[in-house]
């Protein structure tokens, strides 16, 4: 059972699936991030999902690869507390050699999760 509402950007109907009112999701039609409104109605319809296979692109539409530049003069900032991140705390969950995505990265100032990924140990 999901919540049905219209996207605030493209105005097309969206069904949230397991998300609740007040949570954020991407519109499956236009890709905009939308907050599920309080007035969303409950629906038995299948959740809206974006097609796994997007439209085919011509060679002119494909953007060139992103250039990576290492900069030592920049310090990343926590997106939650905006403190400079001179270090990042990590915590490994589970058994490292069995579970691939087992590391949690979080801010040392506000302790909010910054992301998940593979451990670089071993």
C-alpha atoms as a PDB file:
ATOM      1  CA  UNK A   1       0.000   0.000   0.000  1.00  0.00           C
ATOM      2  CA  UNK A   2       1.434   3.348  -1.035  1.00  0.00           C
ATOM      3  CA  UNK A   3       0.629   7.033  -0.926  1.00  0.00           C
ATOM      4  CA  UNK A   4      -0.661   8.721  -4.085  1.00  0.00           C
ATOM      5  CA  UNK A   5      -0.003  12.378  -4.895  1.00  0.00           C
ATOM      6  CA  UNK A   6       0.984  14.640  -7.802  1.00  0.00           C
ATOM      7  CA  UNK A   7       4.616  15.645  -8.385  1.00  0.00           C
ATOM      8  CA  UNK A   8       5.064  19.321  -7.520  1.00  0.00           C
ATOM      9  CA  UNK A   9       7.288  19.777 -10.591  1.00  0.00           C
ATOM     10  CA  UNK A  10       5.668  17.849 -13.470  1.00  0.00           C
ATOM     11  CA  UNK A  11       2.183  17.405 -11.900  1.00  0.00           C
ATOM     12  CA  UNK A  12       2.040  13.707 -12.889  1.00  0.00           C
ATOM     13  CA  UNK A  13       0.626  11.154 -10.401  1.00  0.00           C
ATOM     14  CA  UNK A  14       3.162   9.355  -8.212  1.00  0.00           C
ATOM     15  CA  UNK A  15       2.700   6.412  -5.816  1.00  0.00           C
ATOM     16  CA  UNK A  16       5.294   6.267  -3.058  1.00  0.00           C
ATOM     17  CA  UNK A  17       5.475   2.572  -2.176  1.00  0.00           C
ATOM     18  CA  UNK A  18       6.897   2.113   1.334  1.00  0.00           C
ATOM     19  CA  UNK A  19       7.779   5.781   1.988  1.00  0.00           C
ATOM     20  CA  UNK A  20       5.694   7.891   4.371  1.00  0.00           C
ATOM     21  CA  UNK A  21       4.359  11.439   4.397  1.00  0.00           C
ATOM     22  CA  UNK A  22       7.160  13.976   4.831  1.00  0.00           C
ATOM     23  CA  UNK A  23       9.826  11.727   3.292  1.00  0.00           C
ATOM     24  CA  UNK A  24      11.647  12.643   0.079  1.00  0.00           C
ATOM     25  CA  UNK A  25      11.663  10.612  -3.130  1.00  0.00           C
ATOM     26  CA  UNK A  26      12.597  11.135  -6.763  1.00  0.00           C
ATOM     27  CA  UNK A  27       9.690  11.559  -9.167  1.00  0.00           C
ATOM     28  CA  UNK A  28       9.769   8.594 -11.573  1.00  0.00           C
ATOM     29  CA  UNK A  29       8.579  10.856 -14.412  1.00  0.00           C
ATOM     30  CA  UNK A  30      10.812  13.958 -14.215  1.00  0.00           C
ATOM     31  CA  UNK A  31      13.450  12.944 -11.627  1.00  0.00           C
ATOM     32  CA  UNK A  32      12.777  15.935  -9.333  1.00  0.00           C
ATOM     33  CA  UNK A  33      13.157  15.365  -5.589  1.00  0.00           C
ATOM     34  CA  UNK A  34       9.717  15.747  -4.027  1.00  0.00           C
ATOM     35  CA  UNK A  35       8.521  15.598  -0.436  1.00  0.00           C
ATOM     36  CA  UNK A  36       5.522  13.314   0.011  1.00  0.00           C
ATOM     37  CA  UNK A  37       2.800  15.763   1.101  1.00  0.00           C
ATOM     38  CA  UNK A  38       0.612  15.393   4.184  1.00  0.00           C
ATOM     39  CA  UNK A  39      -2.470  15.326   1.940  1.00  0.00           C
ATOM     40  CA  UNK A  40      -1.271  12.261  -0.054  1.00  0.00           C
ATOM     41  CA  UNK A  41      -3.993   9.609  -0.212  1.00  0.00           C
ATOM     42  CA  UNK A  42      -3.534   5.908   0.443  1.00  0.00           C
ATOM     43  CA  UNK A  43      -3.613   3.730  -2.676  1.00  0.00           C
ATOM     44  CA  UNK A  44      -3.595   0.007  -3.477  1.00  0.00           C
ATOM     45  CA  UNK A  45      -1.958   0.679  -6.857  1.00  0.00           C
ATOM     46  CA  UNK A  46       1.597  -0.489  -7.556  1.00  0.00           C
ATOM     47  CA  UNK A  47       4.323   2.016  -6.632  1.00  0.00           C
ATOM     48  CA  UNK A  48       5.633   4.309  -9.350  1.00  0.00           C
ATOM     49  CA  UNK A  49       9.092   3.238 -10.417  1.00  0.00           C
ATOM     50  CA  UNK A  50      11.452   4.680 -12.949  1.00  0.00           C
ATOM     51  CA  UNK A  51      12.197   2.455 -15.900  1.00  0.00           C
ATOM     52  CA  UNK A  52      15.468   0.595 -15.441  1.00  0.00           C
ATOM     53  CA  UNK A  53      16.252   1.188 -19.087  1.00  0.00           C
ATOM     54  CA  UNK A  54      16.246   4.843 -20.033  1.00  0.00           C
ATOM     55  CA  UNK A  55      15.866   6.220 -23.531  1.00  0.00           C
ATOM     56  CA  UNK A  56      18.752   5.464 -25.868  1.00  0.00           C
ATOM     57  CA  UNK A  57      21.120   8.378 -26.356  1.00  0.00           C
ATOM     58  CA  UNK A  58      22.906   9.413 -29.512  1.00  0.00           C
ATOM     59  CA  UNK A  59      26.675   9.984 -29.458  1.00  0.00           C
ATOM     60  CA  UNK A  60      26.083  13.766 -29.408  1.00  0.00           C
ATOM     61  CA  UNK A  61      23.981  13.492 -26.238  1.00  0.00           C
ATOM     62  CA  UNK A  62      26.568  11.492 -24.280  1.00  0.00           C
ATOM     63  CA  UNK A  63      28.628  13.820 -22.106  1.00  0.00           C
ATOM     64  CA  UNK A  64      32.408  13.444 -21.954  1.00  0.00           C
ATOM     65  CA  UNK A  65      33.986  11.803 -18.923  1.00  0.00           C
ATOM     66  CA  UNK A  66      34.340  13.854 -15.778  1.00  0.00           C
ATOM     67  CA  UNK A  67      37.851  15.177 -15.177  1.00  0.00           C
ATOM     68  CA  UNK A  68      39.132  14.480 -11.657  1.00  0.00           C
ATOM     69  CA  UNK A  69      41.558  16.965 -10.150  1.00  0.00           C
ATOM     70  CA  UNK A  70      43.221  16.375  -6.796  1.00  0.00           C
ATOM     71  CA  UNK A  71      43.312  19.537  -4.690  1.00  0.00           C
ATOM     72  CA  UNK A  72      45.124  19.710  -1.355  1.00  0.00           C
ATOM     73  CA  UNK A  73      43.914  23.251  -0.587  1.00  0.00           C
ATOM     74  CA  UNK A  74      40.221  22.285  -0.259  1.00  0.00           C
ATOM     75  CA  UNK A  75      38.618  20.858   2.877  1.00  0.00           C
ATOM     76  CA  UNK A  76      35.292  19.000   2.562  1.00  0.00           C
ATOM     77  CA  UNK A  77      32.345  20.180   4.664  1.00  0.00           C
ATOM     78  CA  UNK A  78      29.689  18.078   6.413  1.00  0.00           C
ATOM     79  CA  UNK A  79      26.344  18.575   4.614  1.00  0.00           C
ATOM     80  CA  UNK A  80      24.500  18.453   7.961  1.00  0.00           C
ATOM     81  CA  UNK A  81      26.467  20.587  10.439  1.00  0.00           C
ATOM     82  CA  UNK A  82      28.711  22.392   7.894  1.00  0.00           C
ATOM     83  CA  UNK A  83      31.843  21.694   9.970  1.00  0.00           C
ATOM     84  CA  UNK A  84      35.132  21.171   8.120  1.00  0.00           C
ATOM     85  CA  UNK A  85      35.926  17.496   7.690  1.00  0.00           C
ATOM     86  CA  UNK A  86      39.615  17.088   8.423  1.00  0.00           C
ATOM     87  CA  UNK A  87      38.837  13.499   9.393  1.00  0.00           C
ATOM     88  CA  UNK A  88      35.916  11.117   8.926  1.00  0.00           C
ATOM     89  CA  UNK A  89      34.911   8.409  11.372  1.00  0.00           C
ATOM     90  CA  UNK A  90      34.282   4.917  10.044  1.00  0.00           C
ATOM     91  CA  UNK A  91      32.702   1.857  11.538  1.00  0.00           C
ATOM     92  CA  UNK A  92      32.743  -1.609  10.028  1.00  0.00           C
ATOM     93  CA  UNK A  93      29.608  -3.701  10.305  1.00  0.00           C
ATOM     94  CA  UNK A  94      29.499  -7.463   9.875  1.00  0.00           C
ATOM     95  CA  UNK A  95      32.297  -9.706   8.709  1.00  0.00           C
ATOM     96  CA  UNK A  96      34.575  -7.728   6.328  1.00  0.00           C
ATOM     97  CA  UNK A  97      35.534 -10.604   4.004  1.00  0.00           C
ATOM     98  CA  UNK A  98      31.918 -11.789   3.571  1.00  0.00           C
ATOM     99  CA  UNK A  99      29.962  -8.521   3.236  1.00  0.00           C
ATOM    100  CA  UNK A 100      31.258  -6.167   0.527  1.00  0.00           C
ATOM    101  CA  UNK A 101      29.509  -2.939   1.569  1.00  0.00           C
ATOM    102  CA  UNK A 102      30.271  -3.046   5.239  1.00  0.00           C
ATOM    103  CA  UNK A 103      31.720   0.338   6.178  1.00  0.00           C
ATOM    104  CA  UNK A 104      29.706   3.294   7.503  1.00  0.00           C
ATOM    105  CA  UNK A 105      31.260   6.778   7.175  1.00  0.00           C
ATOM    106  CA  UNK A 106      30.074   9.552   9.513  1.00  0.00           C
ATOM    107  CA  UNK A 107      30.865  13.115  10.598  1.00  0.00           C
ATOM    108  CA  UNK A 108      33.032  13.357  13.763  1.00  0.00           C
ATOM    109  CA  UNK A 109      31.196  16.558  14.802  1.00  0.00           C
ATOM    110  CA  UNK A 110      27.464  15.763  14.481  1.00  0.00           C
ATOM    111  CA  UNK A 111      27.860  11.944  14.091  1.00  0.00           C
ATOM    112  CA  UNK A 112      25.424  11.828  11.144  1.00  0.00           C
ATOM    113  CA  UNK A 113      25.988   9.192   8.465  1.00  0.00           C
ATOM    114  CA  UNK A 114      27.791  10.489   5.367  1.00  0.00           C
ATOM    115  CA  UNK A 115      27.647   7.264   3.405  1.00  0.00           C
ATOM    116  CA  UNK A 116      28.296   3.556   3.093  1.00  0.00           C
ATOM    117  CA  UNK A 117      30.855   1.607   1.136  1.00  0.00           C
ATOM    118  CA  UNK A 118      33.504  -1.019   0.930  1.00  0.00           C
ATOM    119  CA  UNK A 119      36.212  -1.111   3.510  1.00  0.00           C
ATOM    120  CA  UNK A 120      39.619  -0.197   2.122  1.00  0.00           C
ATOM    121  CA  UNK A 121      41.280  -2.524   4.603  1.00  0.00           C
ATOM    122  CA  UNK A 122      42.905  -5.667   3.271  1.00  0.00           C
END
